[in-house]
Amino acid sequence: MNYGFNEIHLHTVEGIIDPNNLGSAKVLQKNGFIIEAHLKENEFYEGRFLDTVIYSRLNK
């Protein structure tokens, strides 16, 4: 996060995860990310559609 925000001056960083991946959700939340969207069946992978959750953290 330090590199992204301070060195290359990103405005935001996103994390896109499977809603069933509770470990990744905890890591993102612990690092200040918030849920931006919960999308139903928006990713097509190995012959089926998957849900995704988008987290983001803004540069302050």
PDB file of N, CA and C in Angstrom:
ATOM      1  N   MET A   1       0.819  -1.171   0.000  1.00  0.00           N
ATOM      2  CA  MET A   1       0.000   0.000   0.000  1.00  0.00           C
ATOM      3  C   MET A   1       0.878   1.256   0.000  1.00  0.00           C
ATOM      4  N   ASN A   2       1.932   1.227   0.792  1.00  0.00           N
ATOM      5  CA  ASN A   2       2.832   2.369   0.838  1.00  0.00           C
ATOM      6  C   ASN A   2       3.407   2.669  -0.551  1.00  0.00           C
ATOM      7  N   TYR A   3       3.871   1.636  -1.230  1.00  0.00           N
ATOM      8  CA  TYR A   3       4.439   1.828  -2.568  1.00  0.00           C
ATOM      9  C   TYR A   3       3.388   2.377  -3.533  1.00  0.00           C
ATOM     10  N   GLY A   4       2.219   1.769  -3.542  1.00  0.00           N
ATOM     11  CA  GLY A   4       1.168   2.190  -4.470  1.00  0.00           C
ATOM     12  C   GLY A   4       0.722   3.621  -4.250  1.00  0.00           C
ATOM     13  N   PHE A   5       0.515   3.985  -2.999  1.00  0.00           N
ATOM     14  CA  PHE A   5       0.014   5.327  -2.712  1.00  0.00           C
ATOM     15  C   PHE A   5       1.118   6.394  -2.712  1.00  0.00           C
ATOM     16  N   ASN A   6       2.274   6.078  -2.167  1.00  0.00           N
ATOM     17  CA  ASN A   6       3.308   7.104  -2.001  1.00  0.00           C
ATOM     18  C   ASN A   6       4.333   7.167  -3.123  1.00  0.00           C
ATOM     19  N   GLU A   7       4.629   6.039  -3.743  1.00  0.00           N
ATOM     20  CA  GLU A   7       5.651   6.034  -4.787  1.00  0.00           C
ATOM     21  C   GLU A   7       5.073   6.228  -6.193  1.00  0.00           C
ATOM     22  N   ILE A   8       3.986   5.533  -6.496  1.00  0.00           N
ATOM     23  CA  ILE A   8       3.421   5.679  -7.853  1.00  0.00           C
ATOM     24  C   ILE A   8       2.090   6.432  -7.851  1.00  0.00           C
ATOM     25  N   HIS A   9       1.706   6.944  -6.683  1.00  0.00           N
ATOM     26  CA  HIS A   9       0.597   7.885  -6.527  1.00  0.00           C
ATOM     27  C   HIS A   9      -0.747   7.364  -7.057  1.00  0.00           C
ATOM     28  N   LEU A  10      -1.057   6.128  -6.697  1.00  0.00           N
ATOM     29  CA  LEU A  10      -2.364   5.587  -7.064  1.00  0.00           C
ATOM     30  C   LEU A  10      -3.448   6.286  -6.260  1.00  0.00           C
ATOM     31  N   HIS A  11      -4.605   6.427  -6.863  1.00  0.00           N
ATOM     32  CA  HIS A  11      -5.762   7.018  -6.184  1.00  0.00           C
ATOM     33  C   HIS A  11      -6.500   5.971  -5.358  1.00  0.00           C
ATOM     34  N   THR A  12      -6.557   4.758  -5.883  1.00  0.00           N
ATOM     35  CA  THR A  12      -7.265   3.684  -5.198  1.00  0.00           C
ATOM     36  C   THR A  12      -6.632   2.334  -5.531  1.00  0.00           C
ATOM     37  N   VAL A  13      -6.830   1.378  -4.640  1.00  0.00           N
ATOM     38  CA  VAL A  13      -6.406  -0.001  -4.865  1.00  0.00           C
ATOM     39  C   VAL A  13      -7.629  -0.873  -4.670  1.00  0.00           C
ATOM     40  N   GLU A  14      -7.828  -1.840  -5.563  1.00  0.00           N
ATOM     41  CA  GLU A  14      -8.984  -2.723  -5.489  1.00  0.00           C
ATOM     42  C   GLU A  14      -8.563  -4.159  -5.247  1.00  0.00           C
ATOM     43  N   GLY A  15      -9.430  -4.889  -4.572  1.00  0.00           N
ATOM     44  CA  GLY A  15      -9.283  -6.325  -4.397  1.00  0.00           C
ATOM     45  C   GLY A  15     -10.580  -6.975  -4.832  1.00  0.00           C
ATOM     46  N   ILE A  16     -10.495  -7.945  -5.717  1.00  0.00           N
ATOM     47  CA  ILE A  16     -11.693  -8.629  -6.227  1.00  0.00           C
ATOM     48  C   ILE A  16     -11.606 -10.084  -5.803  1.00  0.00           C
ATOM     49  N   ILE A  17     -12.608 -10.535  -5.035  1.00  0.00           N
ATOM     50  CA  ILE A  17     -12.548 -11.871  -4.452  1.00  0.00           C
ATOM     51  C   ILE A  17     -13.853 -12.638  -4.648  1.00  0.00           C
ATOM     52  N   ASP A  18     -13.761 -13.925  -4.456  1.00  0.00           N
ATOM     53  CA  ASP A  18     -14.925 -14.804  -4.397  1.00  0.00           C
ATOM     54  C   ASP A  18     -15.626 -14.523  -3.067  1.00  0.00           C
ATOM     55  N   PRO A  19     -16.952 -14.353  -3.048  1.00  0.00           N
ATOM     56  CA  PRO A  19     -17.640 -14.047  -1.792  1.00  0.00           C
ATOM     57  C   PRO A  19     -17.498 -15.137  -0.732  1.00  0.00           C
ATOM     58  N   ASN A  20     -17.148 -16.352  -1.129  1.00  0.00           N
ATOM     59  CA  ASN A  20     -16.965 -17.441  -0.170  1.00  0.00           C
ATOM     60  C   ASN A  20     -15.562 -17.487   0.422  1.00  0.00           C
ATOM     61  N   ASN A  21     -14.670 -16.627  -0.050  1.00  0.00           N
ATOM     62  CA  ASN A  21     -13.291 -16.603   0.425  1.00  0.00           C
ATOM     63  C   ASN A  21     -13.192 -15.681   1.647  1.00  0.00           C
ATOM     64  N   LEU A  22     -13.573 -16.207   2.790  1.00  0.00           N
ATOM     65  CA  LEU A  22     -13.631 -15.408   4.012  1.00  0.00           C
ATOM     66  C   LEU A  22     -12.249 -14.961   4.488  1.00  0.00           C
ATOM     67  N   GLY A  23     -11.224 -15.762   4.230  1.00  0.00           N
ATOM     68  CA  GLY A  23      -9.867 -15.385   4.602  1.00  0.00           C
ATOM     69  C   GLY A  23      -9.415 -14.125   3.887  1.00  0.00           C
ATOM     70  N   SER A  24      -9.646 -14.062   2.590  1.00  0.00           N
ATOM     71  CA  SER A  24      -9.268 -12.871   1.820  1.00  0.00           C
ATOM     72  C   SER A  24     -10.085 -11.659   2.248  1.00  0.00           C
ATOM     73  N   ALA A  25     -11.357 -11.862   2.535  1.00  0.00           N
ATOM     74  CA  ALA A  25     -12.210 -10.760   2.996  1.00  0.00           C
ATOM     75  C   ALA A  25     -11.664 -10.186   4.297  1.00  0.00           C
ATOM     76  N   LYS A  26     -11.253 -11.046   5.223  1.00  0.00           N
ATOM     77  CA  LYS A  26     -10.709 -10.585   6.501  1.00  0.00           C
ATOM     78  C   LYS A  26      -9.415  -9.803   6.302  1.00  0.00           C
ATOM     79  N   VAL A  27      -8.550 -10.285   5.418  1.00  0.00           N
ATOM     80  CA  VAL A  27      -7.285  -9.582   5.150  1.00  0.00           C
ATOM     81  C   VAL A  27      -7.559  -8.195   4.576  1.00  0.00           C
ATOM     82  N   LEU A  28      -8.466  -8.118   3.622  1.00  0.00           N
ATOM     83  CA  LEU A  28      -8.787  -6.816   3.020  1.00  0.00           C
ATOM     84  C   LEU A  28      -9.379  -5.863   4.048  1.00  0.00           C
ATOM     85  N   GLN A  29     -10.337  -6.337   4.831  1.00  0.00           N
ATOM     86  CA  GLN A  29     -10.972  -5.485   5.836  1.00  0.00           C
ATOM     87  C   GLN A  29      -9.961  -5.028   6.888  1.00  0.00           C
ATOM     88  N   LYS A  30      -9.083  -5.925   7.296  1.00  0.00           N
ATOM     89  CA  LYS A  30      -8.071  -5.594   8.299  1.00  0.00           C
ATOM     90  C   LYS A  30      -7.109  -4.514   7.794  1.00  0.00           C
ATOM     91  N   ASN A  31      -6.961  -4.422   6.471  1.00  0.00           N
ATOM     92  CA  ASN A  31      -6.066  -3.440   5.864  1.00  0.00           C
ATOM     93  C   ASN A  31      -6.797  -2.206   5.350  1.00  0.00           C
ATOM     94  N   GLY A  32      -8.006  -1.974   5.846  1.00  0.00           N
ATOM     95  CA  GLY A  32      -8.718  -0.734   5.544  1.00  0.00           C
ATOM     96  C   GLY A  32      -9.531  -0.714   4.275  1.00  0.00           C
ATOM     97  N   PHE A  33      -9.733  -1.854   3.640  1.00  0.00           N
ATOM     98  CA  PHE A  33     -10.549  -1.913   2.434  1.00  0.00           C
ATOM     99  C   PHE A  33     -12.028  -1.981   2.815  1.00  0.00           C
ATOM    100  N   ILE A  34     -12.877  -1.402   1.978  1.00  0.00           N
ATOM    101  CA  ILE A  34     -14.322  -1.476   2.189  1.00  0.00           C
ATOM    102  C   ILE A  34     -14.983  -2.107   0.963  1.00  0.00           C
ATOM    103  N   ILE A  35     -16.147  -2.688   1.168  1.00  0.00           N
ATOM    104  CA  ILE A  35     -16.884  -3.307   0.054  1.00  0.00           C
ATOM    105  C   ILE A  35     -17.474  -2.214  -0.826  1.00  0.00           C
ATOM    106  N   GLU A  36     -17.178  -2.291  -2.106  1.00  0.00           N
ATOM    107  CA  GLU A  36     -17.740  -1.373  -3.094  1.00  0.00           C
ATOM    108  C   GLU A  36     -18.940  -1.994  -3.801  1.00  0.00           C
ATOM    109  N   ALA A  37     -18.868  -3.299  -4.061  1.00  0.00           N
ATOM    110  CA  ALA A  37     -19.960  -3.945  -4.811  1.00  0.00           C
ATOM    111  C   ALA A  37     -19.922  -5.447  -4.606  1.00  0.00           C
ATOM    112  N   HIS A  38     -21.093  -6.052  -4.670  1.00  0.00           N
ATOM    113  CA  HIS A  38     -21.231  -7.511  -4.697  1.00  0.00           C
ATOM    114  C   HIS A  38     -21.945  -7.827  -6.003  1.00  0.00           C
ATOM    115  N   LEU A  39     -21.215  -8.391  -6.948  1.00  0.00           N
ATOM    116  CA  LEU A  39     -21.745  -8.623  -8.289  1.00  0.00           C
ATOM    117  C   LEU A  39     -22.130 -10.080  -8.472  1.00  0.00           C
ATOM    118  N   LYS A  40     -23.320 -10.299  -8.978  1.00  0.00           N
ATOM    119  CA  LYS A  40     -23.830 -11.651  -9.211  1.00  0.00           C
ATOM    120  C   LYS A  40     -23.485 -12.107 -10.623  1.00  0.00           C
ATOM    121  N   GLU A  41     -22.891 -13.267 -10.708  1.00  0.00           N
ATOM    122  CA  GLU A  41     -22.604 -13.945 -11.980  1.00  0.00           C
ATOM    123  C   GLU A  41     -21.983 -13.025 -13.034  1.00  0.00           C
ATOM    124  N   ASN A  42     -20.942 -12.310 -12.658  1.00  0.00           N
ATOM    125  CA  ASN A  42     -20.318 -11.396 -13.618  1.00  0.00           C
ATOM    126  C   ASN A  42     -19.001 -11.913 -14.183  1.00  0.00           C
ATOM    127  N   GLU A  43     -18.467 -12.987 -13.627  1.00  0.00           N
ATOM    128  CA  GLU A  43     -17.224 -13.585 -14.132  1.00  0.00           C
ATOM    129  C   GLU A  43     -17.532 -14.957 -14.706  1.00  0.00           C
ATOM    130  N   PHE A  44     -16.996 -15.251 -15.889  1.00  0.00           N
ATOM    131  CA  PHE A  44     -17.168 -16.572 -16.496  1.00  0.00           C
ATOM    132  C   PHE A  44     -15.856 -17.314 -16.401  1.00  0.00           C
ATOM    133  N   TYR A  45     -15.854 -18.461 -15.703  1.00  0.00           N
ATOM    134  CA  TYR A  45     -14.631 -19.211 -15.463  1.00  0.00           C
ATOM    135  C   TYR A  45     -14.927 -20.697 -15.500  1.00  0.00           C
ATOM    136  N   GLU A  46     -14.177 -21.419 -16.314  1.00  0.00           N
ATOM    137  CA  GLU A  46     -14.302 -22.869 -16.462  1.00  0.00           C
ATOM    138  C   GLU A  46     -15.749 -23.319 -16.690  1.00  0.00           C
ATOM    139  N   GLY A  47     -16.417 -22.616 -17.584  1.00  0.00           N
ATOM    140  CA  GLY A  47     -17.749 -23.020 -18.015  1.00  0.00           C
ATOM    141  C   GLY A  47     -18.906 -22.605 -17.128  1.00  0.00           C
ATOM    142  N   ARG A  48     -18.646 -21.749 -16.144  1.00  0.00           N
ATOM    143  CA  ARG A  48     -19.759 -21.287 -15.300  1.00  0.00           C
ATOM    144  C   ARG A  48     -19.548 -19.838 -14.871  1.00  0.00           C
ATOM    145  N   PHE A  49     -20.645 -19.208 -14.498  1.00  0.00           N
ATOM    146  CA  PHE A  49     -20.596 -17.824 -14.040  1.00  0.00           C
ATOM    147  C   PHE A  49     -20.390 -17.790 -12.533  1.00  0.00           C
ATOM    148  N   LEU A  50     -19.553 -16.850 -12.075  1.00  0.00           N
ATOM    149  CA  LEU A  50     -19.215 -16.728 -10.661  1.00  0.00           C
ATOM    150  C   LEU A  50     -19.584 -15.348 -10.127  1.00  0.00           C
ATOM    151  N   ASP A  51     -19.924 -15.304  -8.839  1.00  0.00           N
ATOM    152  CA  ASP A  51     -20.139 -14.041  -8.153  1.00  0.00           C
ATOM    153  C   ASP A  51     -18.777 -13.479  -7.736  1.00  0.00           C
ATOM    154  N   THR A  52     -18.705 -12.166  -7.573  1.00  0.00           N
ATOM    155  CA  THR A  52     -17.490 -11.538  -7.066  1.00  0.00           C
ATOM    156  C   THR A  52     -17.851 -10.409  -6.111  1.00  0.00           C
ATOM    157  N   VAL A  53     -16.915 -10.102  -5.221  1.00  0.00           N
ATOM    158  CA  VAL A  53     -17.042  -8.954  -4.329  1.00  0.00           C
ATOM    159  C   VAL A  53     -15.845  -8.056  -4.606  1.00  0.00           C
ATOM    160  N   ILE A  54     -16.128  -6.759  -4.760  1.00  0.00           N
ATOM    161  CA  ILE A  54     -15.072  -5.790  -5.025  1.00  0.00           C
ATOM    162  C   ILE A  54     -14.856  -4.943  -3.773  1.00  0.00           C
ATOM    163  N   TYR A  55     -13.613  -4.951  -3.290  1.00  0.00           N
ATOM    164  CA  TYR A  55     -13.204  -4.111  -2.170  1.00  0.00           C
ATOM    165  C   TYR A  55     -12.303  -3.005  -2.703  1.00  0.00           C
ATOM    166  N   SER A  56     -12.288  -1.879  -2.033  1.00  0.00           N
ATOM    167  CA  SER A  56     -11.358  -0.826  -2.441  1.00  0.00           C
ATOM    168  C   SER A  56     -10.854  -0.054  -1.231  1.00  0.00           C
ATOM    169  N   ARG A  57      -9.709   0.564  -1.446  1.00  0.00           N
ATOM    170  CA  ARG A  57      -9.132   1.444  -0.424  1.00  0.00           C
ATOM    171  C   ARG A  57      -8.644   2.686  -1.138  1.00  0.00           C
ATOM    172  N   LEU A  58      -9.113   3.845  -0.678  1.00  0.00           N
ATOM    173  CA  LEU A  58      -8.733   5.115  -1.280  1.00  0.00           C
ATOM    174  C   LEU A  58      -7.485   5.672  -0.622  1.00  0.00           C
ATOM    175  N   ASN A  59      -6.704   6.385  -1.417  1.00  0.00           N
ATOM    176  CA  ASN A  59      -5.548   7.103  -0.906  1.00  0.00           C
ATOM    177  C   ASN A  59      -6.044   8.367  -0.224  1.00  0.00           C
ATOM    178  N   LYS A  60      -5.663   8.555   1.016  1.00  0.00           N
ATOM    179  CA  LYS A  60      -6.149   9.728   1.779  1.00  0.00           C
ATOM    180  C   LYS A  60      -5.269  10.923   1.582  1.00  0.00           C
TER     181      LYS A  60
END
